[in-house]
Amino acid sequence: MQTGAVTFTRLERVTYGMSVGEALADAVKRAGVSRVFILASRALVVRNQEIQSAIESLDGKVCGIYSGMPPHTPRDAVLEAAESARKGRAEMIVTIGGGSITDAAKAVCLAIEHDLKEVPDFDPFIVRTAADGSTVAPEYRAPSLPLICCPTTLSAGEYNPLAGVSDPRKGIKQAIRSQGMAPSEVILDPALTLPTPEWLWLSTGVRAIDHCVEAICSPTANAYCDAQSLYGLRLLTTGLKGTKTDPTDLQARSDSQLGAWLSMSSVQAGVSKGASHAIGHILGGSFGVSHGHTSCVMLPHVMRWNLSKDTEKRQRLVSEAMGDAQRPASDLIQDFIRDLGMPSTLKEVGVTEADFQRCAELSMHDRWIHTNPRPIKGPEDVLEILKLAA
């Protein structure tokens, strides 16, 4: 009999289908704060329409805006944003944007809580995994500053208590984690996502599919997460197809957002992921591949490498959820990615065979490489996967 526990974060509320202005005004009123600091995607600030709507809804309570967070959330940029929030005497942080903005806000809250001012100040908070899989996750006081996330992409980091931040001294992306670091609220407005570039929307949708698929195939999968991951995969499959056909289809966008939300239940519940996530972290943090594209180029090939009599049953569940139980899940996923017009090989995202050895060695320091359904014994196994994805 399987045993386990599901631990929840401080996330108290998810609002969906409402306009961001209306939902955000309600959230700020409930929190009883009067100074709100906004972290936003630069493209939305330049466009102005959505940001202005949010500002107007807060009726003079905005104490500052930070935009221009680089991809993969470098520590120095996080510290710059945190200093701006301090100067504004922020009582709440609100994000309007994608995954890098979400991760940045969590790290900003941590920096304010623990008065981090310099790049090395993050070092004591980093989750560290050795090449043998042993992991040290420091414990510390969680941020107390309320955080509300209004996502414009589908990578779904807003639901988890983890943030990825890049160390500019080493050129690697690292994790910080605390159950109290998750947002207090999430607001899903499909209309807010209309300006999101198509490639970004679709590729981060594949990232959410990756969350579902690796959770379903995980050795630590459980009934609670299976229910949400399987239905999340259905919603994402139909929602992404719908937005590819008609980018103005708000129902398809809403389905995609809800599917992305369901995709993250497994992370909250501690279900381990596999090599697609692990290698993807390295491709993003050390080789500059965008967050969503890492899943596009890795997931089908990891599934193919993992397939055996021990994993076939779980992979068949993925095929069923995608609408064709007779085809291998790896082929279904790869065809789906290509139909969306996304890259499906490492070559397409600028990663060549000359990069493989370093990528393989760095991947051994990601905790999820050691929880892959087919055991990965060393860098040579990662190299096999990378060659499949070449």
Protein backbone atom coordinates (compact mmCIF):
# COMPACT_ATOMS: atom_id res chain seq x y z
CA MET A 1 0.00 0.00 0.00
CA GLN A 2 1.36 3.37 -1.01
CA THR A 3 1.83 5.90 1.77
CA GLY A 4 2.59 9.61 1.62
CA ALA A 5 1.50 13.13 2.47
CA VAL A 6 0.45 16.18 0.48
CA THR A 7 1.74 19.46 1.91
CA PHE A 8 0.10 22.69 0.79
CA THR A 9 1.66 26.13 0.42
CA ARG A 10 0.37 29.53 1.48
CA LEU A 11 -1.59 29.86 -1.81
CA GLU A 12 -5.10 30.63 -0.60
CA ARG A 13 -7.02 31.67 -3.69
CA VAL A 14 -7.02 31.27 -7.49
CA THR A 15 -9.37 33.55 -9.40
CA TYR A 16 -10.10 32.62 -13.02
CA GLY A 17 -11.97 34.15 -15.92
CA MET A 18 -12.24 37.64 -14.37
CA SER A 19 -10.55 40.78 -15.65
CA VAL A 20 -7.24 41.44 -13.94
CA GLY A 21 -8.35 44.92 -12.88
CA GLU A 22 -11.47 43.71 -11.10
CA ALA A 23 -9.81 40.70 -9.47
CA LEU A 24 -6.72 42.63 -8.40
CA ALA A 25 -8.75 45.42 -6.81
CA ASP A 26 -10.69 42.82 -4.81
CA ALA A 27 -7.48 41.08 -3.72
CA VAL A 28 -5.80 44.27 -2.52
CA LYS A 29 -8.93 45.30 -0.65
CA ARG A 30 -9.09 41.92 1.11
CA ALA A 31 -5.42 42.18 2.09
CA GLY A 32 -5.94 45.65 3.54
CA VAL A 33 -2.72 47.10 2.09
CA SER A 34 -2.12 50.57 0.71
CA ARG A 35 1.30 50.29 -1.00
CA VAL A 36 1.55 47.84 -3.93
CA PHE A 37 4.74 47.28 -5.90
CA ILE A 38 4.36 45.83 -9.41
CA LEU A 39 6.86 43.61 -11.24
CA ALA A 40 5.89 43.47 -14.90
CA SER A 41 7.14 42.23 -18.24
CA ARG A 42 8.79 45.06 -20.14
CA ALA A 43 6.71 44.32 -23.25
CA LEU A 44 3.52 44.94 -21.27
CA VAL A 45 4.90 48.15 -19.77
CA VAL A 46 5.76 49.40 -23.26
CA ARG A 47 2.34 48.38 -24.54
CA ASN A 48 0.90 50.10 -21.42
CA GLN A 49 -2.76 49.13 -21.87
CA GLU A 50 -2.84 46.18 -19.43
CA ILE A 51 -0.51 47.80 -16.89
CA GLN A 52 -2.52 51.01 -16.93
CA SER A 53 -5.71 49.06 -16.31
CA ALA A 54 -4.12 47.39 -13.27
CA ILE A 55 -2.81 50.72 -11.95
CA GLU A 56 -6.18 52.41 -12.33
CA SER A 57 -7.92 49.53 -10.55
CA LEU A 58 -5.66 50.02 -7.51
CA ASP A 59 -6.81 53.61 -7.03
CA GLY A 60 -3.52 55.30 -6.16
CA LYS A 61 -2.01 52.39 -4.20
CA VAL A 62 0.86 51.63 -6.64
CA CYS A 63 4.17 52.61 -5.02
CA GLY A 64 6.46 51.57 -7.86
CA ILE A 65 6.92 49.44 -10.99
CA TYR A 66 9.92 47.35 -12.02
CA SER A 67 10.20 45.95 -15.55
CA GLY A 68 12.91 44.41 -17.65
CA MET A 69 13.74 41.30 -15.63
CA PRO A 70 16.08 39.25 -17.87
CA PRO A 71 15.28 35.61 -18.66
CA HIS A 72 16.20 33.05 -15.99
CA THR A 73 16.10 35.67 -13.23
CA PRO A 74 19.70 36.70 -12.50
CA ARG A 75 20.48 37.50 -8.87
CA ASP A 76 21.73 41.03 -9.55
CA ALA A 77 18.49 42.00 -11.29
CA VAL A 78 16.48 40.51 -8.40
CA LEU A 79 18.44 42.67 -5.95
CA GLU A 80 17.80 45.75 -8.08
CA ALA A 81 14.06 45.04 -8.05
CA ALA A 82 14.12 44.38 -4.29
CA GLU A 83 15.81 47.72 -3.63
CA SER A 84 13.13 49.50 -5.67
CA ALA A 85 10.42 47.76 -3.63
CA ARG A 86 12.16 48.76 -0.38
CA LYS A 87 12.34 52.39 -1.47
CA GLY A 88 8.63 52.26 -2.27
CA ARG A 89 7.92 50.80 1.20
CA ALA A 90 5.94 48.02 -0.48
CA GLU A 91 3.32 46.18 1.55
CA MET A 92 2.49 43.78 -1.29
CA ILE A 93 4.15 42.57 -4.49
CA VAL A 94 2.08 42.01 -7.65
CA THR A 95 3.40 40.37 -10.80
CA ILE A 96 2.04 40.84 -14.30
CA GLY A 97 4.04 38.72 -16.71
CA GLY A 98 5.68 35.39 -17.35
CA GLY A 99 7.82 32.88 -15.50
CA SER A 100 10.92 35.00 -15.01
CA ILE A 101 8.79 37.73 -13.44
CA THR A 102 7.12 35.19 -11.13
CA ASP A 103 10.44 33.71 -10.00
CA ALA A 104 11.85 37.19 -9.55
CA ALA A 105 8.98 38.23 -7.28
CA LYS A 106 9.48 35.21 -5.01
CA ALA A 107 13.19 35.99 -4.80
CA VAL A 108 12.45 39.70 -4.18
CA CYS A 109 10.21 38.73 -1.25
CA LEU A 110 13.02 36.56 0.11
CA ALA A 111 15.56 39.37 -0.34
CA ILE A 112 13.34 41.83 1.54
CA GLU A 113 12.58 39.33 4.33
CA HIS A 114 16.27 38.56 4.94
CA ASP A 115 17.76 41.92 3.89
CA LEU A 116 19.81 40.50 1.02
CA LYS A 117 21.83 43.26 -0.67
CA GLU A 118 24.70 41.57 -2.56
CA VAL A 119 24.86 38.70 -5.07
CA PRO A 120 26.62 36.28 -2.62
CA ASP A 121 23.88 36.90 -0.02
CA PHE A 122 21.70 34.32 -1.81
CA ASP A 123 24.23 31.52 -1.25
CA PRO A 124 22.87 30.26 2.11
CA PHE A 125 19.37 29.87 0.62
CA ILE A 126 20.26 27.74 -2.42
CA VAL A 127 19.13 24.11 -2.76
CA ARG A 128 22.25 22.10 -3.65
CA THR A 129 22.41 18.66 -5.27
CA ALA A 130 25.64 16.69 -5.52
CA ALA A 131 26.47 14.49 -8.51
CA ASP A 132 25.44 11.43 -6.49
CA GLY A 133 21.94 12.83 -5.96
CA SER A 134 22.29 13.88 -2.31
CA THR A 135 20.47 17.17 -1.77
CA VAL A 136 20.78 19.83 0.90
CA ALA A 137 17.75 22.16 1.19
CA PRO A 138 18.31 24.86 3.81
CA GLU A 139 15.50 25.86 6.15
CA TYR A 140 14.80 29.50 6.82
CA ARG A 141 12.08 31.99 7.68
CA ALA A 142 9.65 32.24 4.79
CA PRO A 143 8.80 35.64 3.28
CA SER A 144 5.87 37.40 4.93
CA LEU A 145 5.20 39.98 2.20
CA PRO A 146 1.93 39.14 0.34
CA LEU A 147 2.47 38.17 -3.29
CA ILE A 148 -0.18 38.12 -6.02
CA CYS A 149 0.67 36.71 -9.45
CA CYS A 150 -1.15 37.54 -12.69
CA PRO A 151 0.54 35.25 -15.24
CA THR A 152 0.71 35.89 -18.97
CA THR A 153 2.35 32.56 -19.90
CA LEU A 154 1.75 28.90 -19.03
CA SER A 155 4.93 27.70 -17.30
CA ALA A 156 2.86 27.80 -14.08
CA GLY A 157 5.60 28.59 -11.58
CA GLU A 158 3.13 30.83 -9.79
CA TYR A 159 1.64 27.78 -8.06
CA ASN A 160 4.78 26.42 -6.48
CA PRO A 161 7.02 27.45 -3.57
CA LEU A 162 10.21 27.33 -5.63
CA ALA A 163 12.06 29.93 -7.66
CA GLY A 164 14.90 29.51 -10.11
CA VAL A 165 17.56 32.23 -9.96
CA SER A 166 20.74 32.48 -12.01
CA ASP A 167 24.14 33.13 -10.46
CA PRO A 168 26.00 35.49 -12.85
CA ARG A 169 29.34 34.49 -11.26
CA LYS A 170 28.95 30.84 -12.33
CA GLY A 171 26.54 30.94 -15.27
CA ILE A 172 24.20 28.42 -13.65
CA LYS A 173 20.58 28.47 -12.56
CA GLN A 174 19.83 27.40 -9.00
CA ALA A 175 16.73 26.79 -6.88
CA ILE A 176 15.50 28.48 -3.75
CA ARG A 177 12.55 26.86 -1.98
CA SER A 178 10.30 27.42 1.00
CA GLN A 179 6.67 26.35 1.45
CA GLY A 180 5.89 29.95 2.40
CA MET A 181 7.46 31.38 -0.75
CA ALA A 182 4.48 30.57 -2.97
CA PRO A 183 2.16 33.46 -3.85
CA SER A 184 -0.81 34.13 -1.62
CA GLU A 185 -3.11 34.56 -4.65
CA VAL A 186 -3.11 33.88 -8.40
CA ILE A 187 -5.33 35.71 -10.90
CA LEU A 188 -6.03 34.08 -14.28
CA ASP A 189 -7.37 36.50 -16.88
CA PRO A 190 -7.28 34.97 -20.39
CA ALA A 191 -7.63 38.41 -21.98
CA LEU A 192 -4.42 39.49 -20.23
CA THR A 193 -2.55 36.87 -22.27
CA LEU A 194 -3.60 38.16 -25.71
CA PRO A 195 -0.42 40.25 -26.19
CA THR A 196 1.82 37.30 -25.27
CA PRO A 197 3.87 36.30 -28.35
CA GLU A 198 2.58 33.09 -29.90
CA TRP A 199 5.89 31.23 -29.55
CA LEU A 200 6.04 32.08 -25.85
CA TRP A 201 2.44 31.11 -25.12
CA LEU A 202 2.70 27.78 -26.96
CA SER A 203 6.17 26.81 -25.72
CA THR A 204 5.31 27.50 -22.08
CA GLY A 205 2.17 25.47 -22.68
CA VAL A 206 4.43 22.57 -23.64
CA ARG A 207 6.30 23.25 -20.40
CA ALA A 208 3.02 22.72 -18.53
CA ILE A 209 2.47 19.51 -20.52
CA ASP A 210 5.92 18.44 -19.34
CA HIS A 211 4.79 18.98 -15.72
CA CYS A 212 1.80 16.70 -16.34
CA VAL A 213 3.65 14.00 -18.26
CA GLU A 214 6.62 13.63 -15.95
CA ALA A 215 4.28 13.57 -12.94
CA ILE A 216 2.15 10.81 -14.50
CA CYS A 217 5.28 8.78 -15.27
CA SER A 218 7.00 9.50 -11.95
CA PRO A 219 7.94 6.60 -9.63
CA THR A 220 6.29 8.64 -6.85
CA ALA A 221 3.01 9.30 -8.71
CA ASN A 222 -0.14 9.13 -6.60
CA ALA A 223 -3.91 9.21 -7.15
CA TYR A 224 -4.30 12.84 -6.07
CA CYS A 225 -1.81 14.07 -8.64
CA ASP A 226 -2.79 11.58 -11.36
CA ALA A 227 -6.33 12.98 -11.38
CA GLN A 228 -5.11 16.53 -11.88
CA SER A 229 -2.21 15.77 -14.22
CA LEU A 230 -4.31 13.61 -16.56
CA TYR A 231 -7.12 16.14 -16.84
CA GLY A 232 -4.64 18.99 -17.00
CA LEU A 233 -3.00 17.26 -19.96
CA ARG A 234 -6.37 17.00 -21.73
CA LEU A 235 -7.11 20.69 -21.16
CA LEU A 236 -3.66 21.75 -22.35
CA THR A 237 -3.80 19.58 -25.46
CA THR A 238 -7.14 21.01 -26.59
CA GLY A 239 -6.45 24.55 -25.34
CA LEU A 240 -3.12 24.91 -27.11
CA LYS A 241 -4.55 23.51 -30.34
CA GLY A 242 -7.39 25.99 -30.03
CA THR A 243 -5.16 29.02 -29.55
CA LYS A 244 -2.89 27.90 -32.40
CA THR A 245 -5.97 27.83 -34.66
CA ASP A 246 -7.46 31.07 -33.30
CA PRO A 247 -5.24 33.22 -31.07
CA THR A 248 -8.26 35.29 -29.98
CA ASP A 249 -10.17 32.27 -28.60
CA LEU A 250 -10.51 33.21 -24.92
CA GLN A 251 -12.10 29.89 -23.98
CA ALA A 252 -9.09 28.02 -25.38
CA ARG A 253 -6.79 30.37 -23.47
CA SER A 254 -8.77 29.83 -20.28
CA ASP A 255 -8.63 26.03 -20.77
CA SER A 256 -4.87 26.32 -21.20
CA GLN A 257 -4.55 28.38 -18.01
CA LEU A 258 -6.63 25.90 -16.02
CA GLY A 259 -4.63 23.00 -17.44
CA ALA A 260 -1.40 24.74 -16.42
CA TRP A 261 -2.78 25.20 -12.90
CA LEU A 262 -3.63 21.49 -12.65
CA SER A 263 -0.18 20.61 -13.98
CA MET A 264 1.46 22.02 -10.87
CA SER A 265 -0.40 20.00 -8.25
CA SER A 266 2.31 17.36 -8.44
CA VAL A 267 5.06 19.85 -7.62
CA GLN A 268 3.10 21.05 -4.59
CA ALA A 269 2.56 17.45 -3.51
CA GLY A 270 6.22 16.49 -3.82
CA VAL A 271 5.89 14.13 -6.80
CA SER A 272 9.34 13.86 -8.33
CA LYS A 273 10.01 14.80 -11.95
CA GLY A 274 12.52 13.34 -14.39
CA ALA A 275 15.23 14.03 -16.89
CA SER A 276 13.25 16.42 -19.09
CA HIS A 277 12.93 18.88 -16.23
CA ALA A 278 16.47 18.26 -14.99
CA ILE A 279 18.21 18.69 -18.35
CA GLY A 280 15.87 21.58 -19.14
CA HIS A 281 17.08 23.48 -16.08
CA ILE A 282 20.64 23.23 -17.40
CA LEU A 283 19.70 24.14 -20.98
CA GLY A 284 18.00 27.26 -19.66
CA GLY A 285 20.39 28.43 -16.97
CA SER A 286 23.68 27.56 -18.66
CA PHE A 287 22.93 27.58 -22.39
CA GLY A 288 20.31 30.32 -22.69
CA VAL A 289 17.46 28.20 -24.07
CA SER A 290 14.06 29.69 -23.24
CA HIS A 291 12.12 27.97 -20.46
CA GLY A 292 9.35 26.61 -22.68
CA HIS A 293 11.65 25.50 -25.50
CA THR A 294 13.63 23.30 -23.09
CA SER A 295 10.57 21.06 -22.74
CA CYS A 296 9.84 21.16 -26.47
CA VAL A 297 13.27 19.78 -27.31
CA MET A 298 13.67 17.34 -24.40
CA LEU A 299 10.36 15.77 -23.36
CA PRO A 300 9.69 13.45 -26.36
CA HIS A 301 13.27 12.16 -26.35
CA VAL A 302 13.33 11.56 -22.60
CA MET A 303 10.05 9.62 -22.94
CA ARG A 304 11.58 7.55 -25.73
CA TRP A 305 14.71 6.81 -23.67
CA ASN A 306 12.60 5.91 -20.63
CA LEU A 307 10.28 3.46 -22.40
CA SER A 308 10.51 -0.09 -21.04
CA LYS A 309 8.17 -2.77 -19.76
CA ASP A 310 8.33 -1.06 -16.35
CA THR A 311 7.26 2.36 -17.69
CA GLU A 312 4.97 1.33 -20.56
CA LYS A 313 1.77 1.33 -18.49
CA ARG A 314 2.27 4.88 -17.22
CA GLN A 315 3.25 6.14 -20.67
CA ARG A 316 0.07 4.60 -22.07
CA LEU A 317 -1.93 6.79 -19.67
CA VAL A 318 -0.30 9.79 -21.34
CA SER A 319 -1.29 8.49 -24.78
CA GLU A 320 -4.88 7.97 -23.64
CA ALA A 321 -5.09 11.51 -22.23
CA MET A 322 -3.80 12.84 -25.56
CA GLY A 323 -6.49 10.94 -27.45
CA ASP A 324 -4.70 7.95 -29.00
CA ALA A 325 -3.92 5.00 -26.72
CA GLN A 326 -2.43 3.00 -29.61
CA ARG A 327 0.49 5.31 -30.34
CA PRO A 328 3.65 5.74 -28.24
CA ALA A 329 3.44 8.81 -26.00
CA SER A 330 6.81 10.04 -27.25
CA ASP A 331 5.57 10.14 -30.85
CA LEU A 332 2.30 11.83 -29.91
CA ILE A 333 4.11 14.51 -27.93
CA GLN A 334 6.71 15.12 -30.63
CA ASP A 335 4.06 15.43 -33.37
CA PHE A 336 2.02 17.74 -31.14
CA ILE A 337 5.04 20.00 -30.60
CA ARG A 338 5.80 20.11 -34.32
CA ASP A 339 2.16 20.88 -35.16
CA LEU A 340 2.40 23.88 -32.83
CA GLY A 341 5.40 25.07 -34.85
CA MET A 342 7.78 24.68 -31.91
CA PRO A 343 11.38 23.40 -32.10
CA SER A 344 11.83 19.71 -31.33
CA THR A 345 15.62 19.26 -31.52
CA LEU A 346 18.58 20.77 -29.69
CA LYS A 347 20.06 21.99 -32.98
CA GLU A 348 17.00 24.20 -33.49
CA VAL A 349 17.66 26.02 -30.20
CA GLY A 350 21.38 26.48 -30.77
CA VAL A 351 22.76 23.65 -28.64
CA THR A 352 25.35 21.54 -30.47
CA GLU A 353 27.21 18.31 -29.74
CA ALA A 354 30.13 20.36 -28.47
CA ASP A 355 27.89 21.41 -25.56
CA PHE A 356 26.70 17.93 -24.63
CA GLN A 357 29.44 16.88 -22.20
CA ARG A 358 29.15 20.01 -20.07
CA CYS A 359 25.36 19.79 -20.14
CA ALA A 360 25.47 16.13 -19.07
CA GLU A 361 27.85 16.81 -16.19
CA LEU A 362 25.85 19.78 -14.91
CA SER A 363 22.62 17.78 -15.17
CA MET A 364 23.93 15.34 -12.57
CA HIS A 365 23.66 18.18 -10.04
CA ASP A 366 19.91 18.58 -10.59
CA ARG A 367 17.86 16.64 -8.05
CA TRP A 368 15.36 15.44 -10.67
CA ILE A 369 17.97 13.66 -12.79
CA HIS A 370 18.16 11.22 -9.88
CA THR A 371 14.39 10.57 -9.81
CA ASN A 372 13.95 9.76 -13.50
CA PRO A 373 11.71 6.66 -14.05
CA ARG A 374 14.60 4.85 -15.76
CA PRO A 375 17.59 5.25 -13.45
CA ILE A 376 20.34 7.54 -14.73
CA LYS A 377 23.68 6.23 -13.50
CA GLY A 378 25.95 8.98 -14.74
CA PRO A 379 26.69 11.62 -17.40
CA GLU A 380 26.97 8.91 -20.06
CA ASP A 381 23.24 8.20 -19.75
CA VAL A 382 22.44 11.90 -20.11
CA LEU A 383 24.63 11.97 -23.20
CA GLU A 384 22.49 9.20 -24.72
CA ILE A 385 19.38 11.34 -24.22
CA LEU A 386 21.05 14.44 -25.62
CA LYS A 387 22.08 12.54 -28.74
CA LEU A 388 18.49 11.40 -29.24
CA ALA A 389 17.45 15.06 -29.05
CA ALA A 390 20.26 16.34 -31.27
